[in-house]
All heavy atoms as atom14 arrays in JSON, in Angstrom:
{
  "sequence": "PGGGMTWMLQRLVGPQTATAMTLFGQVLDADAAVARGLAWDRAD",
  "atom14_mask": [
    [1, 1, 1, 1, 1, 1, 1, 0, 0, 0, 0, 0, 0, 0],
    [1, 1, 1, 1, 0, 0, 0, 0, 0, 0, 0, 0, 0, 0],
    [1, 1, 1, 1, 0, 0, 0, 0, 0, 0, 0, 0, 0, 0],
    [1, 1, 1, 1, 0, 0, 0, 0, 0, 0, 0, 0, 0, 0],
    [1, 1, 1, 1, 1, 1, 1, 1, 0, 0, 0, 0, 0, 0],
    [1, 1, 1, 1, 1, 1, 1, 0, 0, 0, 0, 0, 0, 0],
    [1, 1, 1, 1, 1, 1, 1, 1, 1, 1, 1, 1, 1, 1],
    [1, 1, 1, 1, 1, 1, 1, 1, 0, 0, 0, 0, 0, 0],
    [1, 1, 1, 1, 1, 1, 1, 1, 0, 0, 0, 0, 0, 0],
    [1, 1, 1, 1, 1, 1, 1, 1, 1, 0, 0, 0, 0, 0],
    [1, 1, 1, 1, 1, 1, 1, 1, 1, 1, 1, 0, 0, 0],
    [1, 1, 1, 1, 1, 1, 1, 1, 0, 0, 0, 0, 0, 0],
    [1, 1, 1, 1, 1, 1, 1, 0, 0, 0, 0, 0, 0, 0],
    [1, 1, 1, 1, 0, 0, 0, 0, 0, 0, 0, 0, 0, 0],
    [1, 1, 1, 1, 1, 1, 1, 0, 0, 0, 0, 0, 0, 0],
    [1, 1, 1, 1, 1, 1, 1, 1, 1, 0, 0, 0, 0, 0],
    [1, 1, 1, 1, 1, 1, 1, 0, 0, 0, 0, 0, 0, 0],
    [1, 1, 1, 1, 1, 0, 0, 0, 0, 0, 0, 0, 0, 0],
    [1, 1, 1, 1, 1, 1, 1, 0, 0, 0, 0, 0, 0, 0],
    [1, 1, 1, 1, 1, 0, 0, 0, 0, 0, 0, 0, 0, 0],
    [1, 1, 1, 1, 1, 1, 1, 1, 0, 0, 0, 0, 0, 0],
    [1, 1, 1, 1, 1, 1, 1, 0, 0, 0, 0, 0, 0, 0],
    [1, 1, 1, 1, 1, 1, 1, 1, 0, 0, 0, 0, 0, 0],
    [1, 1, 1, 1, 1, 1, 1, 1, 1, 1, 1, 0, 0, 0],
    [1, 1, 1, 1, 0, 0, 0, 0, 0, 0, 0, 0, 0, 0],
    [1, 1, 1, 1, 1, 1, 1, 1, 1, 0, 0, 0, 0, 0],
    [1, 1, 1, 1, 1, 1, 1, 0, 0, 0, 0, 0, 0, 0],
    [1, 1, 1, 1, 1, 1, 1, 1, 0, 0, 0, 0, 0, 0],
    [1, 1, 1, 1, 1, 1, 1, 1, 0, 0, 0, 0, 0, 0],
    [1, 1, 1, 1, 1, 0, 0, 0, 0, 0, 0, 0, 0, 0],
    [1, 1, 1, 1, 1, 1, 1, 1, 0, 0, 0, 0, 0, 0],
    [1, 1, 1, 1, 1, 0, 0, 0, 0, 0, 0, 0, 0, 0],
    [1, 1, 1, 1, 1, 0, 0, 0, 0, 0, 0, 0, 0, 0],
    [1, 1, 1, 1, 1, 1, 1, 0, 0, 0, 0, 0, 0, 0],
    [1, 1, 1, 1, 1, 0, 0, 0, 0, 0, 0, 0, 0, 0],
    [1, 1, 1, 1, 1, 1, 1, 1, 1, 1, 1, 0, 0, 0],
    [1, 1, 1, 1, 0, 0, 0, 0, 0, 0, 0, 0, 0, 0],
    [1, 1, 1, 1, 1, 1, 1, 1, 0, 0, 0, 0, 0, 0],
    [1, 1, 1, 1, 1, 0, 0, 0, 0, 0, 0, 0, 0, 0],
    [1, 1, 1, 1, 1, 1, 1, 1, 1, 1, 1, 1, 1, 1],
    [1, 1, 1, 1, 1, 1, 1, 1, 0, 0, 0, 0, 0, 0],
    [1, 1, 1, 1, 1, 1, 1, 1, 1, 1, 1, 0, 0, 0],
    [1, 1, 1, 1, 1, 0, 0, 0, 0, 0, 0, 0, 0, 0],
    [1, 1, 1, 1, 1, 1, 1, 1, 0, 0, 0, 0, 0, 0]
  ],
  "atom14_positions": [
    [[-27.71, 5.86, 53.88], [-26.3, 6.18, 53.45], [-25.25, 5.55, 54.44], [-25.55, 5.39, 55.6], [-26.29, 7.7, 53.44], [-27.69, 8.1, 53.32], [-28.5, 7.05, 54.07], [0.0, 0.0, 0.0], [0.0, 0.0, 0.0], [0.0, 0.0, 0.0], [0.0, 0.0, 0.0], [0.0, 0.0, 0.0], [0.0, 0.0, 0.0], [0.0, 0.0, 0.0]],
    [[-24.11, 5.27, 53.88], [-23.04, 4.76, 54.73], [-21.7, 5.31, 54.34], [-21.57, 6.08, 53.37], [0.0, 0.0, 0.0], [0.0, 0.0, 0.0], [0.0, 0.0, 0.0], [0.0, 0.0, 0.0], [0.0, 0.0, 0.0], [0.0, 0.0, 0.0], [0.0, 0.0, 0.0], [0.0, 0.0, 0.0], [0.0, 0.0, 0.0], [0.0, 0.0, 0.0]],
    [[-20.66, 4.92, 55.09], [-19.31, 5.31, 54.9], [-19.01, 6.8, 55.14], [-18.01, 7.31, 54.66], [0.0, 0.0, 0.0], [0.0, 0.0, 0.0], [0.0, 0.0, 0.0], [0.0, 0.0, 0.0], [0.0, 0.0, 0.0], [0.0, 0.0, 0.0], [0.0, 0.0, 0.0], [0.0, 0.0, 0.0], [0.0, 0.0, 0.0], [0.0, 0.0, 0.0]],
    [[-19.92, 7.42, 55.92], [-19.75, 8.84, 56.26], [-20.17, 9.8, 55.23], [-19.82, 10.93, 55.21], [0.0, 0.0, 0.0], [0.0, 0.0, 0.0], [0.0, 0.0, 0.0], [0.0, 0.0, 0.0], [0.0, 0.0, 0.0], [0.0, 0.0, 0.0], [0.0, 0.0, 0.0], [0.0, 0.0, 0.0], [0.0, 0.0, 0.0], [0.0, 0.0, 0.0]],
    [[-21.02, 9.33, 54.25], [-21.46, 10.21, 53.12], [-22.13, 11.43, 53.63], [-21.86, 12.58, 53.11], [-22.39, 9.47, 52.18], [-22.68, 10.25, 50.9], [-24.34, 10.03, 50.24], [-25.25, 11.14, 51.32], [0.0, 0.0, 0.0], [0.0, 0.0, 0.0], [0.0, 0.0, 0.0], [0.0, 0.0, 0.0], [0.0, 0.0, 0.0], [0.0, 0.0, 0.0]],
    [[-23.05, 11.37, 54.61], [-23.8, 12.53, 55.03], [-22.84, 13.6, 55.59], [-23.02, 14.79, 55.46], [-24.89, 12.2, 56.08], [-24.29, 11.56, 57.17], [-25.9, 11.24, 55.43], [0.0, 0.0, 0.0], [0.0, 0.0, 0.0], [0.0, 0.0, 0.0], [0.0, 0.0, 0.0], [0.0, 0.0, 0.0], [0.0, 0.0, 0.0], [0.0, 0.0, 0.0]],
    [[-21.84, 13.1, 56.33], [-20.83, 13.98, 56.95], [-19.97, 14.64, 55.89], [-19.74, 15.94, 55.88], [-19.97, 13.16, 57.91], [-18.88, 13.95, 58.62], [-19.09, 14.66, 59.79], [-17.49, 14.0, 58.38], [-17.9, 15.25, 60.17], [-16.91, 14.83, 59.35], [-16.7, 13.45, 57.37], [-15.55, 15.12, 59.36], [-15.37, 13.69, 57.33], [-14.78, 14.55, 58.35]],
    [[-19.43, 13.87, 54.94], [-18.59, 14.45, 53.91], [-19.35, 15.44, 53.0], [-18.88, 16.52, 52.75], [-18.02, 13.34, 53.04], [-16.96, 12.44, 53.73], [-16.12, 11.29, 52.59], [-17.5, 10.18, 52.12], [0.0, 0.0, 0.0], [0.0, 0.0, 0.0], [0.0, 0.0, 0.0], [0.0, 0.0, 0.0], [0.0, 0.0, 0.0], [0.0, 0.0, 0.0]],
    [[-20.52, 15.03, 52.65], [-21.35, 15.91, 51.73], [-21.7, 17.26, 52.39], [-21.59, 18.28, 51.75], [-22.56, 15.14, 51.24], [-23.3, 15.75, 50.05], [-22.46, 15.92, 48.82], [-24.56, 14.86, 49.71], [0.0, 0.0, 0.0], [0.0, 0.0, 0.0], [0.0, 0.0, 0.0], [0.0, 0.0, 0.0], [0.0, 0.0, 0.0], [0.0, 0.0, 0.0]],
    [[-22.2, 17.15, 53.57], [-22.64, 18.45, 54.25], [-21.46, 19.33, 54.46], [-21.63, 20.57, 54.35], [-23.29, 18.08, 55.62], [-24.63, 17.5, 55.43], [-25.41, 17.37, 56.74], [-26.15, 18.21, 57.14], [-25.1, 16.25, 57.43], [0.0, 0.0, 0.0], [0.0, 0.0, 0.0], [0.0, 0.0, 0.0], [0.0, 0.0, 0.0], [0.0, 0.0, 0.0]],
    [[-20.26, 18.8, 54.84], [-19.09, 19.67, 55.08], [-18.65, 20.29, 53.73], [-18.14, 21.45, 53.81], [-17.9, 18.81, 55.57], [-18.05, 18.49, 57.12], [-17.08, 17.35, 57.47], [-15.68, 17.77, 57.29], [-14.94, 18.38, 58.1], [-15.42, 18.69, 59.31], [-13.62, 18.65, 57.89], [0.0, 0.0, 0.0], [0.0, 0.0, 0.0], [0.0, 0.0, 0.0]],
    [[-18.9, 19.65, 52.62], [-18.43, 20.15, 51.34], [-19.37, 21.21, 50.73], [-18.93, 22.26, 50.25], [-18.09, 19.02, 50.39], [-17.43, 19.38, 49.11], [-16.13, 20.02, 49.31], [-17.38, 18.16, 48.22], [0.0, 0.0, 0.0], [0.0, 0.0, 0.0], [0.0, 0.0, 0.0], [0.0, 0.0, 0.0], [0.0, 0.0, 0.0], [0.0, 0.0, 0.0]],
    [[-20.66, 20.85, 50.71], [-21.65, 21.68, 50.01], [-22.68, 22.37, 50.87], [-23.49, 23.11, 50.4], [-22.38, 20.87, 48.91], [-21.36, 20.27, 47.92], [-23.17, 19.69, 49.54], [0.0, 0.0, 0.0], [0.0, 0.0, 0.0], [0.0, 0.0, 0.0], [0.0, 0.0, 0.0], [0.0, 0.0, 0.0], [0.0, 0.0, 0.0], [0.0, 0.0, 0.0]],
    [[-22.65, 22.06, 52.19], [-23.62, 22.68, 53.08], [-24.87, 21.82, 53.22], [-25.14, 20.9, 52.41], [0.0, 0.0, 0.0], [0.0, 0.0, 0.0], [0.0, 0.0, 0.0], [0.0, 0.0, 0.0], [0.0, 0.0, 0.0], [0.0, 0.0, 0.0], [0.0, 0.0, 0.0], [0.0, 0.0, 0.0], [0.0, 0.0, 0.0], [0.0, 0.0, 0.0]],
    [[-25.72, 22.05, 54.24], [-26.78, 21.22, 54.52], [-27.95, 21.29, 53.47], [-28.56, 20.23, 53.24], [-27.32, 21.76, 55.88], [-26.77, 23.14, 55.99], [-25.5, 23.06, 55.25], [0.0, 0.0, 0.0], [0.0, 0.0, 0.0], [0.0, 0.0, 0.0], [0.0, 0.0, 0.0], [0.0, 0.0, 0.0], [0.0, 0.0, 0.0], [0.0, 0.0, 0.0]],
    [[-28.16, 22.39, 52.82], [-29.25, 22.53, 51.86], [-29.05, 21.65, 50.62], [-29.87, 20.8, 50.23], [-29.47, 23.96, 51.42], [-30.6, 24.11, 50.43], [-31.06, 25.54, 50.21], [-32.11, 25.96, 50.67], [-30.13, 26.33, 49.54], [0.0, 0.0, 0.0], [0.0, 0.0, 0.0], [0.0, 0.0, 0.0], [0.0, 0.0, 0.0], [0.0, 0.0, 0.0]],
    [[-27.82, 21.76, 49.97], [-27.53, 20.98, 48.89], [-27.41, 19.42, 49.25], [-27.87, 18.57, 48.47], [-26.18, 21.43, 48.23], [-26.41, 22.81, 47.71], [-25.81, 20.54, 47.04], [0.0, 0.0, 0.0], [0.0, 0.0, 0.0], [0.0, 0.0, 0.0], [0.0, 0.0, 0.0], [0.0, 0.0, 0.0], [0.0, 0.0, 0.0], [0.0, 0.0, 0.0]],
    [[-26.84, 19.14, 50.42], [-26.7, 17.82, 50.9], [-28.09, 17.21, 51.0], [-28.29, 16.01, 50.63], [-25.92, 17.75, 52.12], [0.0, 0.0, 0.0], [0.0, 0.0, 0.0], [0.0, 0.0, 0.0], [0.0, 0.0, 0.0], [0.0, 0.0, 0.0], [0.0, 0.0, 0.0], [0.0, 0.0, 0.0], [0.0, 0.0, 0.0], [0.0, 0.0, 0.0]],
    [[-28.96, 17.95, 51.62], [-30.39, 17.42, 51.85], [-31.07, 17.18, 50.47], [-31.76, 16.21, 50.26], [-31.15, 18.39, 52.67], [-30.52, 18.52, 53.95], [-32.57, 17.88, 52.91], [0.0, 0.0, 0.0], [0.0, 0.0, 0.0], [0.0, 0.0, 0.0], [0.0, 0.0, 0.0], [0.0, 0.0, 0.0], [0.0, 0.0, 0.0], [0.0, 0.0, 0.0]],
    [[-30.89, 18.15, 49.56], [-31.57, 18.07, 48.27], [-31.03, 16.75, 47.52], [-31.83, 16.05, 46.94], [-31.26, 19.24, 47.37], [0.0, 0.0, 0.0], [0.0, 0.0, 0.0], [0.0, 0.0, 0.0], [0.0, 0.0, 0.0], [0.0, 0.0, 0.0], [0.0, 0.0, 0.0], [0.0, 0.0, 0.0], [0.0, 0.0, 0.0], [0.0, 0.0, 0.0]],
    [[-29.75, 16.51, 47.68], [-29.17, 15.27, 47.02], [-29.63, 14.03, 47.75], [-29.83, 12.97, 47.12], [-27.66, 15.4, 46.92], [-27.2, 16.51, 45.98], [-25.39, 16.66, 46.04], [-24.94, 15.14, 45.23], [0.0, 0.0, 0.0], [0.0, 0.0, 0.0], [0.0, 0.0, 0.0], [0.0, 0.0, 0.0], [0.0, 0.0, 0.0], [0.0, 0.0, 0.0]],
    [[-29.58, 14.01, 49.04], [-29.73, 12.76, 49.84], [-31.16, 12.39, 50.11], [-31.56, 11.25, 49.99], [-29.01, 13.0, 51.21], [-27.63, 13.36, 50.99], [-29.09, 11.68, 52.01], [0.0, 0.0, 0.0], [0.0, 0.0, 0.0], [0.0, 0.0, 0.0], [0.0, 0.0, 0.0], [0.0, 0.0, 0.0], [0.0, 0.0, 0.0], [0.0, 0.0, 0.0]],
    [[-32.05, 13.37, 50.35], [-33.43, 13.15, 50.74], [-34.39, 13.52, 49.61], [-35.57, 13.09, 49.65], [-33.78, 13.91, 52.06], [-33.2, 13.29, 53.3], [-33.48, 14.19, 54.46], [-33.85, 11.92, 53.53], [0.0, 0.0, 0.0], [0.0, 0.0, 0.0], [0.0, 0.0, 0.0], [0.0, 0.0, 0.0], [0.0, 0.0, 0.0], [0.0, 0.0, 0.0]],
    [[-34.02, 14.34, 48.64], [-34.94, 14.73, 47.59], [-34.5, 14.23, 46.17], [-35.04, 14.61, 45.18], [-35.13, 16.24, 47.6], [-35.74, 16.79, 48.81], [-35.28, 17.92, 49.36], [-36.79, 16.16, 49.46], [-35.79, 18.48, 50.55], [-37.27, 16.63, 50.68], [-36.84, 17.79, 51.21], [0.0, 0.0, 0.0], [0.0, 0.0, 0.0], [0.0, 0.0, 0.0]],
    [[-33.43, 13.37, 46.18], [-33.08, 12.74, 44.96], [-32.5, 13.6, 43.88], [-32.43, 13.22, 42.68], [0.0, 0.0, 0.0], [0.0, 0.0, 0.0], [0.0, 0.0, 0.0], [0.0, 0.0, 0.0], [0.0, 0.0, 0.0], [0.0, 0.0, 0.0], [0.0, 0.0, 0.0], [0.0, 0.0, 0.0], [0.0, 0.0, 0.0], [0.0, 0.0, 0.0]],
    [[-31.98, 14.81, 44.22], [-31.4, 15.69, 43.24], [-30.02, 15.2, 42.76], [-29.19, 14.82, 43.63], [-31.31, 17.1, 43.72], [-32.66, 17.73, 44.03], [-33.63, 17.73, 42.9], [-33.22, 18.42, 41.88], [-34.71, 17.02, 42.83], [0.0, 0.0, 0.0], [0.0, 0.0, 0.0], [0.0, 0.0, 0.0], [0.0, 0.0, 0.0], [0.0, 0.0, 0.0]],
    [[-29.81, 15.23, 41.48], [-28.59, 14.7, 40.89], [-27.82, 15.97, 40.27], [-28.47, 16.78, 39.55], [-28.77, 13.64, 39.82], [-27.5, 13.26, 39.14], [-29.5, 12.45, 40.37], [0.0, 0.0, 0.0], [0.0, 0.0, 0.0], [0.0, 0.0, 0.0], [0.0, 0.0, 0.0], [0.0, 0.0, 0.0], [0.0, 0.0, 0.0], [0.0, 0.0, 0.0]],
    [[-26.57, 16.13, 40.57], [-25.81, 17.25, 40.0], [-25.03, 16.79, 38.8], [-24.26, 15.84, 38.89], [-24.84, 17.74, 41.11], [-25.5, 18.29, 42.41], [-24.44, 19.04, 43.26], [-26.67, 19.18, 42.2], [0.0, 0.0, 0.0], [0.0, 0.0, 0.0], [0.0, 0.0, 0.0], [0.0, 0.0, 0.0], [0.0, 0.0, 0.0], [0.0, 0.0, 0.0]],
    [[-25.22, 17.51, 37.68], [-24.33, 17.34, 36.53], [-23.05, 18.15, 36.72], [-22.79, 18.76, 37.76], [-25.11, 17.68, 35.22], [-25.43, 19.09, 35.09], [-24.99, 19.94, 35.99], [-26.26, 19.47, 34.21], [0.0, 0.0, 0.0], [0.0, 0.0, 0.0], [0.0, 0.0, 0.0], [0.0, 0.0, 0.0], [0.0, 0.0, 0.0], [0.0, 0.0, 0.0]],
    [[-22.21, 18.14, 35.65], [-20.94, 18.72, 35.78], [-21.03, 20.2, 36.16], [-20.32, 20.73, 37.05], [-20.19, 18.56, 34.49], [0.0, 0.0, 0.0], [0.0, 0.0, 0.0], [0.0, 0.0, 0.0], [0.0, 0.0, 0.0], [0.0, 0.0, 0.0], [0.0, 0.0, 0.0], [0.0, 0.0, 0.0], [0.0, 0.0, 0.0], [0.0, 0.0, 0.0]],
    [[-21.87, 21.0, 35.44], [-21.93, 22.41, 35.71], [-22.56, 22.69, 37.06], [-22.11, 23.6, 37.8], [-22.79, 23.08, 34.62], [-22.06, 23.07, 33.27], [-20.78, 23.03, 33.29], [-22.68, 23.12, 32.21], [0.0, 0.0, 0.0], [0.0, 0.0, 0.0], [0.0, 0.0, 0.0], [0.0, 0.0, 0.0], [0.0, 0.0, 0.0], [0.0, 0.0, 0.0]],
    [[-23.59, 21.93, 37.45], [-24.21, 22.13, 38.77], [-23.17, 21.81, 39.88], [-23.22, 22.51, 40.94], [-25.46, 21.33, 38.89], [0.0, 0.0, 0.0], [0.0, 0.0, 0.0], [0.0, 0.0, 0.0], [0.0, 0.0, 0.0], [0.0, 0.0, 0.0], [0.0, 0.0, 0.0], [0.0, 0.0, 0.0], [0.0, 0.0, 0.0], [0.0, 0.0, 0.0]],
    [[-22.35, 20.77, 39.68], [-21.45, 20.39, 40.66], [-20.41, 21.51, 40.88], [-20.02, 21.81, 42.13], [-20.64, 19.13, 40.26], [0.0, 0.0, 0.0], [0.0, 0.0, 0.0], [0.0, 0.0, 0.0], [0.0, 0.0, 0.0], [0.0, 0.0, 0.0], [0.0, 0.0, 0.0], [0.0, 0.0, 0.0], [0.0, 0.0, 0.0], [0.0, 0.0, 0.0]],
    [[-19.95, 22.2, 39.87], [-19.02, 23.32, 39.97], [-19.75, 24.47, 40.68], [-19.24, 25.1, 41.55], [-18.49, 23.72, 38.62], [-17.66, 25.0, 38.73], [-17.6, 22.58, 37.98], [0.0, 0.0, 0.0], [0.0, 0.0, 0.0], [0.0, 0.0, 0.0], [0.0, 0.0, 0.0], [0.0, 0.0, 0.0], [0.0, 0.0, 0.0], [0.0, 0.0, 0.0]],
    [[-21.0, 24.74, 40.24], [-21.75, 25.92, 40.82], [-22.02, 25.72, 42.31], [-22.02, 26.64, 43.07], [-22.99, 26.03, 40.09], [0.0, 0.0, 0.0], [0.0, 0.0, 0.0], [0.0, 0.0, 0.0], [0.0, 0.0, 0.0], [0.0, 0.0, 0.0], [0.0, 0.0, 0.0], [0.0, 0.0, 0.0], [0.0, 0.0, 0.0], [0.0, 0.0, 0.0]],
    [[-22.2, 24.43, 42.77], [-22.57, 24.16, 44.1], [-21.29, 23.95, 44.96], [-21.47, 23.74, 46.21], [-23.46, 22.96, 44.23], [-24.75, 23.04, 43.48], [-25.73, 23.98, 44.15], [-27.04, 24.03, 43.52], [-28.07, 24.72, 43.91], [-27.91, 25.47, 45.0], [-29.21, 24.75, 43.3], [0.0, 0.0, 0.0], [0.0, 0.0, 0.0], [0.0, 0.0, 0.0]],
    [[-20.14, 24.04, 44.45], [-18.91, 23.82, 45.18], [-18.52, 22.32, 45.38], [-17.59, 22.05, 46.09], [0.0, 0.0, 0.0], [0.0, 0.0, 0.0], [0.0, 0.0, 0.0], [0.0, 0.0, 0.0], [0.0, 0.0, 0.0], [0.0, 0.0, 0.0], [0.0, 0.0, 0.0], [0.0, 0.0, 0.0], [0.0, 0.0, 0.0], [0.0, 0.0, 0.0]],
    [[-19.25, 21.45, 44.66], [-18.89, 20.01, 44.77], [-17.67, 19.67, 43.97], [-16.86, 18.78, 44.33], [-20.05, 19.17, 44.33], [-19.85, 17.63, 44.43], [-19.54, 17.21, 45.85], [-21.23, 16.94, 43.94], [0.0, 0.0, 0.0], [0.0, 0.0, 0.0], [0.0, 0.0, 0.0], [0.0, 0.0, 0.0], [0.0, 0.0, 0.0], [0.0, 0.0, 0.0]],
    [[-17.4, 20.43, 42.88], [-16.24, 20.23, 42.02], [-15.52, 21.57, 41.86], [-16.16, 22.67, 41.95], [-16.65, 19.71, 40.69], [0.0, 0.0, 0.0], [0.0, 0.0, 0.0], [0.0, 0.0, 0.0], [0.0, 0.0, 0.0], [0.0, 0.0, 0.0], [0.0, 0.0, 0.0], [0.0, 0.0, 0.0], [0.0, 0.0, 0.0], [0.0, 0.0, 0.0]],
    [[-14.18, 21.46, 41.65], [-13.37, 22.6, 41.49], [-13.55, 23.29, 40.1], [-13.75, 24.51, 39.94], [-11.95, 22.3, 41.74], [-10.96, 23.39, 41.38], [-10.04, 23.38, 40.36], [-10.78, 24.68, 41.95], [-9.3, 24.58, 40.26], [-9.77, 25.37, 41.35], [-11.41, 25.28, 43.06], [-9.38, 26.65, 41.6], [-11.05, 26.56, 43.46], [-10.01, 27.22, 42.79]],
    [[-13.58, 22.44, 39.12], [-13.6, 22.99, 37.74], [-14.05, 21.89, 36.79], [-14.1, 20.72, 37.1], [-12.33, 23.5, 37.32], [-12.34, 24.54, 36.15], [-13.51, 24.79, 35.72], [-11.33, 25.02, 35.79], [0.0, 0.0, 0.0], [0.0, 0.0, 0.0], [0.0, 0.0, 0.0], [0.0, 0.0, 0.0], [0.0, 0.0, 0.0], [0.0, 0.0, 0.0]],
    [[-14.46, 22.3, 35.59], [-14.83, 21.37, 34.47], [-13.72, 21.33, 33.47], [-13.15, 22.36, 33.08], [-16.17, 21.83, 33.9], [-16.53, 21.06, 32.6], [-17.96, 21.4, 32.17], [-18.18, 20.93, 30.81], [-19.36, 20.82, 30.25], [-20.44, 21.19, 30.89], [-19.51, 20.4, 28.98], [0.0, 0.0, 0.0], [0.0, 0.0, 0.0], [0.0, 0.0, 0.0]],
    [[-13.43, 20.16, 33.0], [-12.39, 19.97, 31.95], [-13.1, 19.38, 30.73], [-13.64, 18.28, 30.79], [-11.29, 19.06, 32.41], [0.0, 0.0, 0.0], [0.0, 0.0, 0.0], [0.0, 0.0, 0.0], [0.0, 0.0, 0.0], [0.0, 0.0, 0.0], [0.0, 0.0, 0.0], [0.0, 0.0, 0.0], [0.0, 0.0, 0.0], [0.0, 0.0, 0.0]],
    [[-13.12, 20.12, 29.67], [-13.76, 19.62, 28.39], [-12.87, 18.65, 27.69], [-11.62, 18.59, 27.92], [-14.11, 20.77, 27.46], [-15.2, 21.62, 28.09], [-16.14, 21.06, 28.76], [-15.22, 22.83, 27.86], [0.0, 0.0, 0.0], [0.0, 0.0, 0.0], [0.0, 0.0, 0.0], [0.0, 0.0, 0.0], [0.0, 0.0, 0.0], [0.0, 0.0, 0.0]]
  ]
}
């Protein structure tokens, strides 16, 4: 990873979610992003 991604992601969602996304290949969809604090809200 580059551009400070690991720093930005961990600060926003915490180490567990950041690790799942970065080292275990987990992809967050819209609802999961809101649930994990990566997004503020969903707009339909």
